[in-house]
Amino acid sequence: QVLLAESGGGLVQAGGTLRLSCAASGDTLCLSSFAWFRQAPGKERELVANITRGGAAYYADSVKGRFTISRDNAANTVYLELSSLEPEDTAVYYCYGHPHKGADYGPVLLEHCNSLDTWGQGTPVTVSS
């Protein structure tokens, strides 16, 4: 079992900053890279940012230059710094852990890791204009 617990969401004015945290616990060895997704009311869930175990980051064009993803491997925690926030950033933000898929784990462990629910419960971010 893996538990991803997000925190740090809230209400902020346009132009403001928030820092989201996602603490992973349980079978964390099953997780490789992490991602943040968001879902605005009436819209589909979309990828915001991704970070590999080695720290390589990817950002959606809509947040590039404003959001920063980072991770602390020792603490099994991933962060998302949101700056220059816009009302369009209003959404529930979800943490997601990518299950490890490398053959180094062996078939039994791989099956276990890829059967887990690796989504967090979400933390709401509301940006007022």
Protein backbone atom coordinates (compact mmCIF):
# COMPACT_ATOMS: atom_id res chain seq x y z
CA GLN A 1 0.00 0.00 0.00
CA VAL A 2 1.14 3.53 -0.77
CA LEU A 3 -0.22 6.67 0.83
CA LEU A 4 0.36 10.06 -0.79
CA ALA A 5 -0.67 12.91 1.46
CA GLU A 6 -0.86 16.37 -0.09
CA SER A 7 -0.90 19.61 1.85
CA GLY A 8 -0.39 23.31 1.32
CA GLY A 9 -3.39 24.27 -0.77
CA GLY A 10 -5.57 27.24 0.04
CA LEU A 11 -6.91 30.59 -1.06
CA VAL A 12 -4.47 33.11 -2.49
CA GLN A 13 -4.70 36.33 -4.45
CA ALA A 14 -3.57 36.55 -8.05
CA GLY A 15 0.18 37.03 -8.21
CA GLY A 16 0.68 35.16 -4.96
CA THR A 17 2.65 32.04 -4.07
CA LEU A 18 1.85 28.66 -2.57
CA ARG A 19 3.94 25.61 -1.81
CA LEU A 20 2.33 22.21 -2.08
CA SER A 21 3.81 19.14 -0.42
CA CYS A 22 3.22 15.46 -1.07
CA ALA A 23 4.53 13.03 1.50
CA ALA A 24 4.72 9.39 0.44
CA SER A 25 4.59 6.53 2.91
CA GLY A 26 4.15 2.76 2.80
CA ASP A 27 5.63 0.86 -0.14
CA THR A 28 7.61 3.85 -1.39
CA LEU A 29 10.15 1.56 -3.02
CA CYS A 30 7.44 0.98 -5.62
CA LEU A 31 7.57 4.60 -6.77
CA SER A 32 10.00 6.07 -9.27
CA SER A 33 9.08 9.49 -10.62
CA PHE A 34 6.39 11.79 -9.22
CA ALA A 35 3.95 14.11 -10.90
CA TRP A 36 1.48 16.82 -10.00
CA PHE A 37 -1.82 16.93 -11.84
CA ARG A 38 -4.68 19.37 -11.46
CA GLN A 39 -8.36 19.32 -12.22
CA ALA A 40 -10.41 22.48 -12.54
CA PRO A 41 -14.21 22.40 -12.21
CA GLY A 42 -15.77 21.01 -15.36
CA LYS A 43 -12.42 20.14 -16.91
CA GLU A 44 -10.32 17.01 -17.30
CA ARG A 45 -7.39 16.27 -15.07
CA GLU A 46 -4.17 17.57 -16.62
CA LEU A 47 -0.48 17.04 -16.01
CA VAL A 48 1.21 20.06 -14.45
CA ALA A 49 4.74 18.85 -13.74
CA ASN A 50 6.79 15.67 -13.42
CA ILE A 51 10.10 14.90 -11.74
CA THR A 52 12.24 11.79 -12.09
CA ARG A 53 14.11 10.06 -9.30
CA GLY A 54 17.24 11.82 -10.51
CA GLY A 55 15.59 15.24 -10.46
CA ALA A 56 14.88 15.85 -14.13
CA ALA A 57 11.76 18.01 -14.38
CA TYR A 58 9.06 18.51 -16.98
CA TYR A 59 6.45 21.27 -16.99
CA ALA A 60 3.27 21.92 -18.88
CA ASP A 61 3.54 25.00 -21.07
CA SER A 62 0.84 26.75 -19.03
CA VAL A 63 2.95 26.72 -15.87
CA LYS A 64 6.49 26.84 -17.24
CA GLY A 65 8.48 29.60 -15.57
CA ARG A 66 5.94 29.98 -12.75
CA PHE A 67 5.86 26.59 -11.03
CA THR A 68 8.80 24.59 -9.71
CA ILE A 69 8.75 20.89 -8.85
CA SER A 70 11.33 19.38 -6.51
CA ARG A 71 11.77 16.29 -4.39
CA ASP A 72 13.52 15.13 -1.26
CA ASN A 73 14.25 11.44 -1.81
CA ALA A 74 15.35 10.88 1.77
CA ALA A 75 12.05 12.22 3.06
CA ASN A 76 9.97 10.65 0.27
CA THR A 77 8.42 14.04 -0.35
CA VAL A 78 7.77 15.98 -3.52
CA TYR A 79 6.99 19.69 -3.65
CA LEU A 80 5.35 22.06 -6.08
CA GLU A 81 6.09 25.76 -5.70
CA LEU A 82 3.38 27.83 -7.37
CA SER A 83 4.22 31.46 -8.05
CA SER A 84 2.71 34.30 -10.09
CA LEU A 85 -0.60 32.53 -9.60
CA GLU A 86 -3.48 33.32 -11.92
CA PRO A 87 -7.21 32.67 -11.46
CA GLU A 88 -6.86 30.04 -14.21
CA ASP A 89 -4.66 28.02 -11.84
CA THR A 90 -7.66 27.39 -9.59
CA ALA A 91 -8.07 23.61 -9.33
CA VAL A 92 -7.66 20.60 -7.09
CA TYR A 93 -4.01 19.56 -7.27
CA TYR A 94 -3.19 15.86 -7.09
CA CYS A 95 0.08 14.11 -6.43
CA TYR A 96 0.80 10.95 -8.40
CA GLY A 97 3.60 8.43 -8.00
CA HIS A 98 4.69 6.54 -11.09
CA PRO A 99 5.09 2.85 -10.29
CA HIS A 100 8.54 1.44 -10.93
CA LYS A 101 8.64 -0.60 -14.12
CA GLY A 102 12.28 -1.66 -14.35
CA ALA A 103 13.13 -5.33 -14.75
CA ASP A 104 15.53 -5.06 -11.81
CA TYR A 105 12.57 -5.56 -9.46
CA GLY A 106 11.54 -8.98 -10.71
CA PRO A 107 8.05 -10.01 -11.83
CA VAL A 108 6.44 -10.49 -8.43
CA LEU A 109 7.47 -7.12 -7.05
CA LEU A 110 6.68 -5.40 -10.33
CA GLU A 111 3.17 -6.83 -10.30
CA HIS A 112 2.72 -5.69 -6.72
CA CYS A 113 3.99 -2.19 -7.41
CA ASN A 114 1.88 -1.71 -10.52
CA SER A 115 -1.29 -2.86 -8.72
CA LEU A 116 -1.15 -0.04 -6.19
CA ASP A 117 -3.27 3.09 -6.12
CA THR A 118 -0.67 5.81 -6.27
CA TRP A 119 -2.84 8.93 -6.31
CA GLY A 120 -3.16 11.41 -3.48
CA GLN A 121 -6.50 12.72 -2.28
CA GLY A 122 -5.92 16.20 -3.70
CA THR A 123 -5.50 19.65 -2.21
CA PRO A 124 -7.57 22.59 -3.46
CA VAL A 125 -5.99 25.79 -4.72
CA THR A 126 -8.18 28.84 -5.27
CA VAL A 127 -6.74 31.99 -6.84
CA SER A 128 -8.83 35.13 -6.52
CA SER A 129 -8.57 38.00 -8.96
